[in-house]
N, C-alpha and C. Protein backbone atom coordinates (compact mmCIF):
# COMPACT_ATOMS: atom_id res chain seq x y z
N TRP A 1 53.96 97.61 -60.18
CA TRP A 1 53.67 96.78 -60.65
C TRP A 1 52.82 95.77 -60.18
N GLY A 2 52.09 95.90 -58.73
CA GLY A 2 51.24 95.52 -58.55
C GLY A 2 49.68 95.02 -59.61
N ASP A 3 49.49 96.22 -59.79
CA ASP A 3 48.27 96.41 -60.13
C ASP A 3 47.97 95.84 -62.19
N PHE A 4 49.63 95.82 -62.95
CA PHE A 4 49.81 95.25 -63.89
C PHE A 4 49.94 94.11 -63.68
N GLY A 5 50.65 93.02 -62.59
CA GLY A 5 50.26 91.81 -62.69
C GLY A 5 49.32 91.19 -62.37
N PHE A 6 48.14 91.77 -61.79
CA PHE A 6 46.55 91.80 -61.64
C PHE A 6 45.91 91.67 -62.76
N ALA A 7 46.33 92.39 -63.81
CA ALA A 7 45.78 92.62 -64.61
C ALA A 7 46.20 91.63 -65.33
N LYS A 8 47.29 91.04 -65.54
CA LYS A 8 48.24 90.13 -66.43
C LYS A 8 47.55 88.94 -66.50
N LEU A 9 47.45 88.53 -64.96
CA LEU A 9 46.43 87.11 -64.53
C LEU A 9 45.11 87.15 -64.90
N THR A 10 44.26 88.21 -64.74
CA THR A 10 43.22 88.42 -65.31
C THR A 10 42.82 88.01 -66.40
N TYR A 11 43.73 88.84 -67.58
CA TYR A 11 43.64 88.42 -68.86
C TYR A 11 43.92 86.94 -69.18
N LEU A 12 45.49 86.17 -68.58
CA LEU A 12 45.17 84.87 -68.98
C LEU A 12 43.78 84.45 -68.54
N ASP A 13 43.77 84.55 -67.18
CA ASP A 13 42.39 83.82 -66.82
C ASP A 13 41.15 83.31 -67.96
N ALA A 14 41.06 85.17 -68.75
CA ALA A 14 39.73 85.32 -69.53
C ALA A 14 40.70 84.08 -70.52
N TYR A 15 41.99 84.46 -71.53
CA TYR A 15 42.29 84.10 -72.70
C TYR A 15 42.04 82.31 -72.21
N ARG A 16 42.50 81.72 -71.37
CA ARG A 16 42.30 80.21 -71.33
C ARG A 16 40.99 79.69 -71.83
N LEU A 17 39.84 80.32 -70.72
CA LEU A 17 38.53 79.97 -71.21
C LEU A 17 38.28 79.99 -71.96
N GLN A 18 38.87 80.99 -73.31
CA GLN A 18 38.47 81.18 -74.41
C GLN A 18 38.32 80.01 -75.26
N LEU A 19 40.19 79.87 -74.58
CA LEU A 19 40.46 78.53 -75.66
C LEU A 19 40.06 77.22 -75.21
N ASP A 20 39.93 77.31 -74.09
CA ASP A 20 39.24 75.89 -73.47
C ASP A 20 37.78 75.59 -74.41
N GLU A 21 36.65 76.83 -74.68
CA GLU A 21 35.94 76.42 -75.20
C GLU A 21 36.23 76.25 -76.91
N ARG A 22 36.59 77.05 -77.49
CA ARG A 22 37.29 76.78 -79.22
C ARG A 22 37.45 75.54 -79.34
N MET A 23 38.99 74.84 -78.45
CA MET A 23 39.52 73.96 -78.79
C MET A 23 39.98 72.86 -77.91
N ASN A 24 40.70 71.92 -78.64
CA ASN A 24 41.13 70.57 -77.87
C ASN A 24 42.00 70.97 -76.82
N TYR A 25 41.98 70.62 -76.00
CA TYR A 25 43.22 70.85 -74.58
C TYR A 25 44.13 70.95 -74.68
N SER A 26 44.96 69.75 -76.01
CA SER A 26 46.37 70.17 -76.25
C SER A 26 46.61 71.19 -77.09
N THR A 27 45.57 71.23 -77.94
CA THR A 27 46.03 73.07 -78.86
C THR A 27 45.80 73.82 -77.78
N ALA A 28 44.87 74.02 -76.99
CA ALA A 28 44.98 75.11 -75.77
C ALA A 28 46.24 75.30 -75.12
N ILE A 29 46.89 74.30 -74.74
CA ILE A 29 47.99 74.17 -73.67
C ILE A 29 48.94 74.77 -74.58
N SER A 30 49.17 74.45 -75.87
CA SER A 30 50.25 75.11 -76.44
C SER A 30 50.27 76.63 -77.15
N GLU A 31 48.45 76.85 -77.45
CA GLU A 31 48.57 78.37 -77.45
C GLU A 31 48.45 79.12 -76.66
N ARG A 32 48.48 78.61 -75.04
CA ARG A 32 48.38 79.23 -73.64
C ARG A 32 49.80 79.79 -73.46
N THR A 33 50.68 78.73 -73.78
CA THR A 33 52.04 78.65 -73.90
C THR A 33 52.87 79.77 -74.50
N ARG A 34 52.45 79.69 -75.48
CA ARG A 34 52.93 80.48 -76.47
C ARG A 34 52.62 82.36 -76.01
N ALA A 35 51.02 82.44 -75.45
CA ALA A 35 50.76 83.39 -75.04
C ALA A 35 51.77 84.22 -74.12
N VAL A 36 51.72 83.04 -73.18
CA VAL A 36 52.43 83.64 -72.06
C VAL A 36 53.75 84.05 -71.97
N GLU A 37 54.44 83.27 -73.19
CA GLU A 37 56.34 83.51 -73.21
C GLU A 37 56.23 85.26 -74.22
N GLN A 38 55.16 85.54 -75.24
CA GLN A 38 54.99 86.82 -75.44
C GLN A 38 54.85 87.79 -74.31
N MET A 39 53.72 87.35 -73.58
CA MET A 39 53.84 88.61 -72.07
C MET A 39 54.94 88.61 -71.39
N ARG A 40 55.77 87.57 -71.35
CA ARG A 40 56.57 87.37 -70.61
C ARG A 40 57.66 88.31 -71.39
N ARG A 41 58.23 88.58 -72.59
CA ARG A 41 58.75 89.00 -73.52
C ARG A 41 58.74 90.69 -73.07
N ASN A 42 56.85 90.67 -73.43
CA ASN A 42 56.84 92.29 -73.25
C ASN A 42 56.91 92.71 -72.37
N VAL A 43 57.14 92.13 -70.79
CA VAL A 43 57.46 92.75 -69.39
C VAL A 43 58.56 92.51 -69.51
N LEU A 44 60.07 92.40 -69.81
CA LEU A 44 60.97 91.83 -69.84
C LEU A 44 61.34 93.56 -70.68
N ASN A 45 60.65 93.71 -71.91
CA ASN A 45 60.66 94.88 -72.54
C ASN A 45 60.37 95.83 -72.05
N ILE A 46 59.42 96.22 -71.55
CA ILE A 46 58.88 97.08 -70.77
C ILE A 46 59.91 97.64 -69.09
N GLN A 47 60.48 96.41 -68.76
CA GLN A 47 61.26 96.82 -67.74
C GLN A 47 62.54 96.98 -68.31
N LYS A 48 63.22 96.63 -69.31
CA LYS A 48 64.42 97.29 -69.78
C LYS A 48 64.06 98.85 -70.46
N PHE A 49 62.88 98.68 -70.87
CA PHE A 49 62.62 100.29 -70.92
C PHE A 49 62.66 101.38 -69.65
N LEU A 50 62.12 101.05 -69.22
CA LEU A 50 62.11 101.65 -67.52
C LEU A 50 63.48 101.49 -67.36
N ARG A 51 64.20 100.73 -66.82
CA ARG A 51 65.33 101.16 -66.73
C ARG A 51 66.61 101.87 -67.37
N GLN A 52 66.38 101.85 -68.87
CA GLN A 52 66.84 102.90 -69.73
C GLN A 52 67.30 104.13 -69.69
N HIS A 53 65.41 104.35 -68.80
CA HIS A 53 65.47 106.12 -68.84
C HIS A 53 65.06 106.10 -67.43
N GLY A 54 65.67 105.30 -66.35
CA GLY A 54 65.79 105.60 -64.74
C GLY A 54 64.32 105.42 -64.31
N LEU A 55 63.56 105.03 -64.84
CA LEU A 55 62.13 104.85 -64.31
C LEU A 55 62.04 103.79 -62.95
N MET A 56 63.02 103.24 -62.72
CA MET A 56 62.67 101.43 -62.33
C MET A 56 64.09 101.13 -61.30
């Protein structure tokens, strides 16, 4: 999971920079919060899948 975690942080940093350029600060915060929540759900789904298939 180390590589995955690193990729996730890199993606969020890039996403945040894009948002900060395009939008005002409060809008960027709410968009980023939604993105983080979506990614958290994705990670939970991946972990659930791996557990179901005995890979974790």
